[in-house]
Amino acid sequence: MKTAVARWGNSLALRIPRDVAEKSRLTEGVEVELAAKADGFVVRRRAPSYELSALLAGVRPVNRHAEIATGAARGGEVW
């Protein structure tokens, strides 16, 4: 597939065709990492980062599970 590089302010921009974006699951606002290679570049979706406080903020009584019985202690567990 061919596309052209265009000027965007002082930078260059590359338009990603819709079918390529859909196959790559790229949407507006998705963070990516760009790596230069000798013969071009590679674009990869950025791995998500999580903060414990943000994850715990989402815990509600409705999405908490009940205590789970795992049987008697085995080995050196101290309960």
PDB file of N, CA and C in Angstrom:
ATOM      1  N   MET A   1       0.845  -1.159   0.000  1.00  0.00           N
ATOM      2  CA  MET A   1       0.000   0.000   0.000  1.00  0.00           C
ATOM      3  C   MET A   1       0.900   1.233   0.000  1.00  0.00           C
ATOM      4  N   LYS A   2       0.578   2.197  -0.820  1.00  0.00           N
ATOM      5  CA  LYS A   2       1.344   3.424  -0.889  1.00  0.00           C
ATOM      6  C   LYS A   2       0.636   4.530  -0.137  1.00  0.00           C
ATOM      7  N   THR A   3       1.424   5.390   0.473  1.00  0.00           N
ATOM      8  CA  THR A   3       0.918   6.609   1.085  1.00  0.00           C
ATOM      9  C   THR A   3       2.047   7.624   1.012  1.00  0.00           C
ATOM     10  N   ALA A   4       1.756   8.875   1.286  1.00  0.00           N
ATOM     11  CA  ALA A   4       2.777   9.919   1.149  1.00  0.00           C
ATOM     12  C   ALA A   4       3.048  10.588   2.487  1.00  0.00           C
ATOM     13  N   VAL A   5       4.281  11.020   2.658  1.00  0.00           N
ATOM     14  CA  VAL A   5       4.671  11.786   3.837  1.00  0.00           C
ATOM     15  C   VAL A   5       4.299  13.243   3.578  1.00  0.00           C
ATOM     16  N   ALA A   6       3.716  13.905   4.582  1.00  0.00           N
ATOM     17  CA  ALA A   6       3.297  15.307   4.439  1.00  0.00           C
ATOM     18  C   ALA A   6       3.906  16.145   5.555  1.00  0.00           C
ATOM     19  N   ARG A   7       3.943  17.434   5.373  1.00  0.00           N
ATOM     20  CA  ARG A   7       4.456  18.337   6.385  1.00  0.00           C
ATOM     21  C   ARG A   7       3.344  18.637   7.376  1.00  0.00           C
ATOM     22  N   TRP A   8       3.724  18.656   8.663  1.00  0.00           N
ATOM     23  CA  TRP A   8       2.787  19.005   9.729  1.00  0.00           C
ATOM     24  C   TRP A   8       3.553  19.925  10.668  1.00  0.00           C
ATOM     25  N   GLY A   9       3.445  21.225  10.457  1.00  0.00           N
ATOM     26  CA  GLY A   9       4.240  22.184  11.215  1.00  0.00           C
ATOM     27  C   GLY A   9       5.702  21.999  10.850  1.00  0.00           C
ATOM     28  N   ASN A  10       6.557  21.841  11.854  1.00  0.00           N
ATOM     29  CA  ASN A  10       7.979  21.599  11.619  1.00  0.00           C
ATOM     30  C   ASN A  10       8.307  20.112  11.514  1.00  0.00           C
ATOM     31  N   SER A  11       7.296  19.270  11.599  1.00  0.00           N
ATOM     32  CA  SER A  11       7.492  17.822  11.560  1.00  0.00           C
ATOM     33  C   SER A  11       6.962  17.242  10.259  1.00  0.00           C
ATOM     34  N   LEU A  12       7.129  15.947  10.125  1.00  0.00           N
ATOM     35  CA  LEU A  12       6.542  15.220   9.011  1.00  0.00           C
ATOM     36  C   LEU A  12       5.453  14.309   9.553  1.00  0.00           C
ATOM     37  N   ALA A  13       4.437  14.075   8.752  1.00  0.00           N
ATOM     38  CA  ALA A  13       3.315  13.235   9.174  1.00  0.00           C
ATOM     39  C   ALA A  13       3.068  12.156   8.131  1.00  0.00           C
ATOM     40  N   LEU A  14       2.585  11.038   8.606  1.00  0.00           N
ATOM     41  CA  LEU A  14       2.243   9.924   7.730  1.00  0.00           C
ATOM     42  C   LEU A  14       0.794   9.558   8.003  1.00  0.00           C
ATOM     43  N   ARG A  15      -0.029   9.630   6.996  1.00  0.00           N
ATOM     44  CA  ARG A  15      -1.444   9.293   7.152  1.00  0.00           C
ATOM     45  C   ARG A  15      -1.591   7.781   7.136  1.00  0.00           C
ATOM     46  N   ILE A  16      -2.288   7.242   8.130  1.00  0.00           N
ATOM     47  CA  ILE A  16      -2.493   5.794   8.223  1.00  0.00           C
ATOM     48  C   ILE A  16      -3.867   5.482   7.640  1.00  0.00           C
ATOM     49  N   PRO A  17      -3.924   4.724   6.553  1.00  0.00           N
ATOM     50  CA  PRO A  17      -5.216   4.387   5.950  1.00  0.00           C
ATOM     51  C   PRO A  17      -6.124   3.636   6.932  1.00  0.00           C
ATOM     52  N   ARG A  18      -7.411   3.791   6.764  1.00  0.00           N
ATOM     53  CA  ARG A  18      -8.400   3.222   7.674  1.00  0.00           C
ATOM     54  C   ARG A  18      -8.246   1.720   7.861  1.00  0.00           C
ATOM     55  N   ASP A  19      -8.080   0.979   6.757  1.00  0.00           N
ATOM     56  CA  ASP A  19      -8.000  -0.487   6.909  1.00  0.00           C
ATOM     57  C   ASP A  19      -6.751  -0.902   7.682  1.00  0.00           C
ATOM     58  N   VAL A  20      -5.641  -0.184   7.504  1.00  0.00           N
ATOM     59  CA  VAL A  20      -4.429  -0.487   8.265  1.00  0.00           C
ATOM     60  C   VAL A  20      -4.652  -0.151   9.742  1.00  0.00           C
ATOM     61  N   ALA A  21      -5.283   0.988  10.011  1.00  0.00           N
ATOM     62  CA  ALA A  21      -5.568   1.381  11.398  1.00  0.00           C
ATOM     63  C   ALA A  21      -6.482   0.368  12.071  1.00  0.00           C
ATOM     64  N   GLU A  22      -7.498  -0.092  11.364  1.00  0.00           N
ATOM     65  CA  GLU A  22      -8.426  -1.064  11.945  1.00  0.00           C
ATOM     66  C   GLU A  22      -7.725  -2.387  12.242  1.00  0.00           C
ATOM     67  N   LYS A  23      -6.903  -2.863  11.323  1.00  0.00           N
ATOM     68  CA  LYS A  23      -6.182  -4.121  11.538  1.00  0.00           C
ATOM     69  C   LYS A  23      -5.190  -4.007  12.688  1.00  0.00           C
ATOM     70  N   SER A  24      -4.643  -2.801  12.885  1.00  0.00           N
ATOM     71  CA  SER A  24      -3.673  -2.557  13.955  1.00  0.00           C
ATOM     72  C   SER A  24      -4.337  -2.119  15.248  1.00  0.00           C
ATOM     73  N   ARG A  25      -5.637  -1.978  15.231  1.00  0.00           N
ATOM     74  CA  ARG A  25      -6.426  -1.492  16.374  1.00  0.00           C
ATOM     75  C   ARG A  25      -5.922  -0.132  16.851  1.00  0.00           C
ATOM     76  N   LEU A  26      -5.576   0.728  15.900  1.00  0.00           N
ATOM     77  CA  LEU A  26      -5.149   2.083  16.228  1.00  0.00           C
ATOM     78  C   LEU A  26      -6.329   3.022  16.083  1.00  0.00           C
ATOM     79  N   THR A  27      -6.525   3.860  17.068  1.00  0.00           N
ATOM     80  CA  THR A  27      -7.551   4.890  17.026  1.00  0.00           C
ATOM     81  C   THR A  27      -6.923   6.194  17.491  1.00  0.00           C
ATOM     82  N   GLU A  28      -7.621   7.277  17.281  1.00  0.00           N
ATOM     83  CA  GLU A  28      -7.115   8.583  17.687  1.00  0.00           C
ATOM     84  C   GLU A  28      -6.828   8.593  19.185  1.00  0.00           C
ATOM     85  N   GLY A  29      -5.662   9.070  19.559  1.00  0.00           N
ATOM     86  CA  GLY A  29      -5.299   9.175  20.966  1.00  0.00           C
ATOM     87  C   GLY A  29      -4.523   7.991  21.510  1.00  0.00           C
ATOM     88  N   VAL A  30      -4.444   6.886  20.767  1.00  0.00           N
ATOM     89  CA  VAL A  30      -3.677   5.722  21.220  1.00  0.00           C
ATOM     90  C   VAL A  30      -2.201   6.099  21.231  1.00  0.00           C
ATOM     91  N   GLU A  31      -1.513   5.821  22.335  1.00  0.00           N
ATOM     92  CA  GLU A  31      -0.093   6.126  22.421  1.00  0.00           C
ATOM     93  C   GLU A  31       0.719   5.023  21.753  1.00  0.00           C
ATOM     94  N   VAL A  32       1.704   5.452  20.963  1.00  0.00           N
ATOM     95  CA  VAL A  32       2.578   4.519  20.261  1.00  0.00           C
ATOM     96  C   VAL A  32       4.030   4.899  20.519  1.00  0.00           C
ATOM     97  N   GLU A  33       4.909   3.957  20.244  1.00  0.00           N
ATOM     98  CA  GLU A  33       6.350   4.208  20.296  1.00  0.00           C
ATOM     99  C   GLU A  33       6.886   4.106  18.882  1.00  0.00           C
ATOM    100  N   LEU A  34       7.776   5.005  18.539  1.00  0.00           N
ATOM    101  CA  LEU A  34       8.352   5.057  17.211  1.00  0.00           C
ATOM    102  C   LEU A  34       9.843   4.776  17.324  1.00  0.00           C
ATOM    103  N   ALA A  35      10.332   3.785  16.582  1.00  0.00           N
ATOM    104  CA  ALA A  35      11.749   3.423  16.617  1.00  0.00           C
ATOM    105  C   ALA A  35      12.332   3.547  15.217  1.00  0.00           C
ATOM    106  N   ALA A  36      13.451   4.233  15.122  1.00  0.00           N
ATOM    107  CA  ALA A  36      14.132   4.401  13.828  1.00  0.00           C
ATOM    108  C   ALA A  36      14.931   3.143  13.502  1.00  0.00           C
ATOM    109  N   LYS A  37      14.904   2.748  12.264  1.00  0.00           N
ATOM    110  CA  LYS A  37      15.680   1.630  11.751  1.00  0.00           C
ATOM    111  C   LYS A  37      16.498   2.143  10.575  1.00  0.00           C
ATOM    112  N   ALA A  38      17.483   1.374  10.146  1.00  0.00           N
ATOM    113  CA  ALA A  38      18.343   1.807   9.046  1.00  0.00           C
ATOM    114  C   ALA A  38      17.547   2.051   7.765  1.00  0.00           C
ATOM    115  N   ASP A  39      16.535   1.229   7.516  1.00  0.00           N
ATOM    116  CA  ASP A  39      15.779   1.345   6.269  1.00  0.00           C
ATOM    117  C   ASP A  39      14.350   1.842   6.465  1.00  0.00           C
ATOM    118  N   GLY A  40      14.037   2.415   7.626  1.00  0.00           N
ATOM    119  CA  GLY A  40      12.696   2.917   7.868  1.00  0.00           C
ATOM    120  C   GLY A  40      12.442   3.112   9.345  1.00  0.00           C
ATOM    121  N   PHE A  41      11.267   2.761   9.778  1.00  0.00           N
ATOM    122  CA  PHE A  41      10.925   2.879  11.190  1.00  0.00           C
ATOM    123  C   PHE A  41       9.863   1.859  11.551  1.00  0.00           C
ATOM    124  N   VAL A  42       9.667   1.669  12.851  1.00  0.00           N
ATOM    125  CA  VAL A  42       8.664   0.739  13.363  1.00  0.00           C
ATOM    126  C   VAL A  42       7.778   1.499  14.331  1.00  0.00           C
ATOM    127  N   VAL A  43       6.482   1.322  14.194  1.00  0.00           N
ATOM    128  CA  VAL A  43       5.510   1.923  15.102  1.00  0.00           C
ATOM    129  C   VAL A  43       4.877   0.797  15.892  1.00  0.00           C
ATOM    130  N   ARG A  44       4.917   0.904  17.224  1.00  0.00           N
ATOM    131  CA  ARG A  44       4.304  -0.117  18.092  1.00  0.00           C
ATOM    132  C   ARG A  44       3.399   0.548  19.104  1.00  0.00           C
ATOM    133  N   ARG A  45       2.305  -0.097  19.394  1.00  0.00           N
ATOM    134  CA  ARG A  45       1.401   0.384  20.439  1.00  0.00           C
ATOM    135  C   ARG A  45       2.160   0.371  21.751  1.00  0.00           C
ATOM    136  N   ARG A  46       2.010   1.424  22.523  1.00  0.00           N
ATOM    137  CA  ARG A  46       2.692   1.514  23.809  1.00  0.00           C
ATOM    138  C   ARG A  46       2.026   0.604  24.823  1.00  0.00           C
ATOM    139  N   ALA A  47       2.819  -0.109  25.586  1.00  0.00           N
ATOM    140  CA  ALA A  47       2.280  -0.996  26.621  1.00  0.00           C
ATOM    141  C   ALA A  47       1.597  -0.139  27.688  1.00  0.00           C
ATOM    142  N   PRO A  48       0.426  -0.550  28.138  1.00  0.00           N
ATOM    143  CA  PRO A  48      -0.260   0.235  29.161  1.00  0.00           C
ATOM    144  C   PRO A  48       0.508   0.209  30.478  1.00  0.00           C
ATOM    145  N   SER A  49       0.405   1.287  31.216  1.00  0.00           N
ATOM    146  CA  SER A  49       0.988   1.317  32.558  1.00  0.00           C
ATOM    147  C   SER A  49      -0.146   1.556  33.544  1.00  0.00           C
ATOM    148  N   TYR A  50      -0.064   0.906  34.669  1.00  0.00           N
ATOM    149  CA  TYR A  50      -1.124   0.978  35.662  1.00  0.00           C
ATOM    150  C   TYR A  50      -0.573   1.491  36.980  1.00  0.00           C
ATOM    151  N   GLU A  51      -1.391   2.244  37.682  1.00  0.00           N
ATOM    152  CA  GLU A  51      -1.045   2.670  39.035  1.00  0.00           C
ATOM    153  C   GLU A  51      -1.985   1.962  39.991  1.00  0.00           C
ATOM    154  N   LEU A  52      -1.420   1.418  41.063  1.00  0.00           N
ATOM    155  CA  LEU A  52      -2.213   0.655  42.019  1.00  0.00           C
ATOM    156  C   LEU A  52      -3.368   1.488  42.551  1.00  0.00           C
ATOM    157  N   SER A  53      -3.145   2.754  42.854  1.00  0.00           N
ATOM    158  CA  SER A  53      -4.205   3.598  43.403  1.00  0.00           C
ATOM    159  C   SER A  53      -5.370   3.730  42.420  1.00  0.00           C
ATOM    160  N   ALA A  54      -5.073   3.838  41.120  1.00  0.00           N
ATOM    161  CA  ALA A  54      -6.137   3.944  40.118  1.00  0.00           C
ATOM    162  C   ALA A  54      -6.903   2.630  40.001  1.00  0.00           C
ATOM    163  N   LEU A  55      -6.200   1.509  40.057  1.00  0.00           N
ATOM    164  CA  LEU A  55      -6.868   0.210  39.995  1.00  0.00           C
ATOM    165  C   LEU A  55      -7.757  -0.009  41.211  1.00  0.00           C
ATOM    166  N   LEU A  56      -7.237   0.324  42.390  1.00  0.00           N
ATOM    167  CA  LEU A  56      -8.016   0.131  43.614  1.00  0.00           C
ATOM    168  C   LEU A  56      -9.217   1.057  43.682  1.00  0.00           C
ATOM    169  N   ALA A  57      -9.123   2.215  43.026  1.00  0.00           N
ATOM    170  CA  ALA A  57     -10.262   3.141  43.004  1.00  0.00           C
ATOM    171  C   ALA A  57     -11.458   2.527  42.287  1.00  0.00           C
ATOM    172  N   GLY A  58     -11.201   1.568  41.398  1.00  0.00           N
ATOM    173  CA  GLY A  58     -12.274   0.911  40.672  1.00  0.00           C
ATOM    174  C   GLY A  58     -12.912  -0.246  41.411  1.00  0.00           C
ATOM    175  N   VAL A  59     -12.386  -0.618  42.568  1.00  0.00           N
ATOM    176  CA  VAL A  59     -12.948  -1.736  43.330  1.00  0.00           C
ATOM    177  C   VAL A  59     -14.204  -1.258  44.051  1.00  0.00           C
ATOM    178  N   ARG A  60     -15.295  -1.940  43.812  1.00  0.00           N
ATOM    179  CA  ARG A  60     -16.594  -1.626  44.421  1.00  0.00           C
ATOM    180  C   ARG A  60     -17.188  -2.922  44.979  1.00  0.00           C
ATOM    181  N   PRO A  61     -18.109  -2.826  45.907  1.00  0.00           N
ATOM    182  CA  PRO A  61     -18.743  -4.040  46.439  1.00  0.00           C
ATOM    183  C   PRO A  61     -19.336  -4.932  45.349  1.00  0.00           C
ATOM    184  N   VAL A  62     -19.826  -4.331  44.280  1.00  0.00           N
ATOM    185  CA  VAL A  62     -20.460  -5.115  43.221  1.00  0.00           C
ATOM    186  C   VAL A  62     -19.444  -5.942  42.426  1.00  0.00           C
ATOM    187  N   ASN A  63     -18.169  -5.516  42.371  1.00  0.00           N
ATOM    188  CA  ASN A  63     -17.200  -6.289  41.598  1.00  0.00           C
ATOM    189  C   ASN A  63     -16.169  -7.006  42.471  1.00  0.00           C
ATOM    190  N   ARG A  64     -16.468  -7.134  43.747  1.00  0.00           N
ATOM    191  CA  ARG A  64     -15.603  -7.905  44.642  1.00  0.00           C
ATOM    192  C   ARG A  64     -16.147  -9.318  44.768  1.00  0.00           C
ATOM    193  N   HIS A  65     -15.274 -10.286  44.846  1.00  0.00           N
ATOM    194  CA  HIS A  65     -15.733 -11.666  45.004  1.00  0.00           C
ATOM    195  C   HIS A  65     -15.682 -12.044  46.484  1.00  0.00           C
ATOM    196  N   ALA A  66     -16.421 -13.071  46.803  1.00  0.00           N
ATOM    197  CA  ALA A  66     -16.458 -13.557  48.185  1.00  0.00           C
ATOM    198  C   ALA A  66     -15.155 -14.296  48.500  1.00  0.00           C
ATOM    199  N   GLU A  67     -14.941 -14.575  49.777  1.00  0.00           N
ATOM    200  CA  GLU A  67     -13.768 -15.331  50.207  1.00  0.00           C
ATOM    201  C   GLU A  67     -13.786 -16.706  49.546  1.00  0.00           C
ATOM    202  N   ILE A  68     -12.621 -17.199  49.175  1.00  0.00           N
ATOM    203  CA  ILE A  68     -12.508 -18.487  48.490  1.00  0.00           C
ATOM    204  C   ILE A  68     -11.801 -19.476  49.406  1.00  0.00           C
ATOM    205  N   ALA A  69     -12.425 -20.635  49.605  1.00  0.00           N
ATOM    206  CA  ALA A  69     -11.806 -21.690  50.413  1.00  0.00           C
ATOM    207  C   ALA A  69     -10.780 -22.423  49.558  1.00  0.00           C
ATOM    208  N   THR A  70      -9.578 -22.540  50.074  1.00  0.00           N
ATOM    209  CA  THR A  70      -8.515 -23.210  49.318  1.00  0.00           C
ATOM    210  C   THR A  70      -8.053 -24.497  49.994  1.00  0.00           C
ATOM    211  N   GLY A  71      -8.742 -24.896  51.049  1.00  0.00           N
ATOM    212  CA  GLY A  71      -8.379 -26.133  51.727  1.00  0.00           C
ATOM    213  C   GLY A  71      -7.421 -25.886  52.880  1.00  0.00           C
ATOM    214  N   ALA A  72      -6.997 -26.956  53.501  1.00  0.00           N
ATOM    215  CA  ALA A  72      -6.091 -26.865  54.644  1.00  0.00           C
ATOM    216  C   ALA A  72      -4.708 -26.425  54.193  1.00  0.00           C
ATOM    217  N   ALA A  73      -3.963 -25.814  55.131  1.00  0.00           N
ATOM    218  CA  ALA A  73      -2.598 -25.373  54.839  1.00  0.00           C
ATOM    219  C   ALA A  73      -1.734 -26.564  54.502  1.00  0.00           C
ATOM    220  N   ARG A  74      -0.845 -26.414  53.539  1.00  0.00           N
ATOM    221  CA  ARG A  74       0.080 -27.467  53.149  1.00  0.00           C
ATOM    222  C   ARG A  74       1.467 -26.834  53.095  1.00  0.00           C
ATOM    223  N   GLY A  75       2.437 -27.483  53.579  1.00  0.00           N
ATOM    224  CA  GLY A  75       3.786 -26.941  53.529  1.00  0.00           C
ATOM    225  C   GLY A  75       4.050 -26.039  54.709  1.00  0.00           C
ATOM    226  N   GLY A  76       4.749 -24.913  54.485  1.00  0.00           N
ATOM    227  CA  GLY A  76       5.173 -24.057  55.590  1.00  0.00           C
ATOM    228  C   GLY A  76       4.325 -22.798  55.762  1.00  0.00           C
ATOM    229  N   GLU A  77       3.077 -22.773  55.246  1.00  0.00           N
ATOM    230  CA  GLU A  77       2.249 -21.595  55.405  1.00  0.00           C
ATOM    231  C   GLU A  77       1.973 -21.301  56.876  1.00  0.00           C
ATOM    232  N   VAL A  78       1.894 -20.052  57.201  1.00  0.00           N
ATOM    233  CA  VAL A  78       1.516 -19.636  58.538  1.00  0.00           C
ATOM    234  C   VAL A  78       0.286 -18.773  58.415  1.00  0.00           C
ATOM    235  N   TRP A  79      -0.821 -19.227  58.975  1.00  0.00           N
ATOM    236  CA  TRP A  79      -2.074 -18.463  58.892  1.00  0.00           C
ATOM    237  C   TRP A  79      -2.420 -18.029  60.256  1.00  0.00           C
TER     238      TRP A  79
END
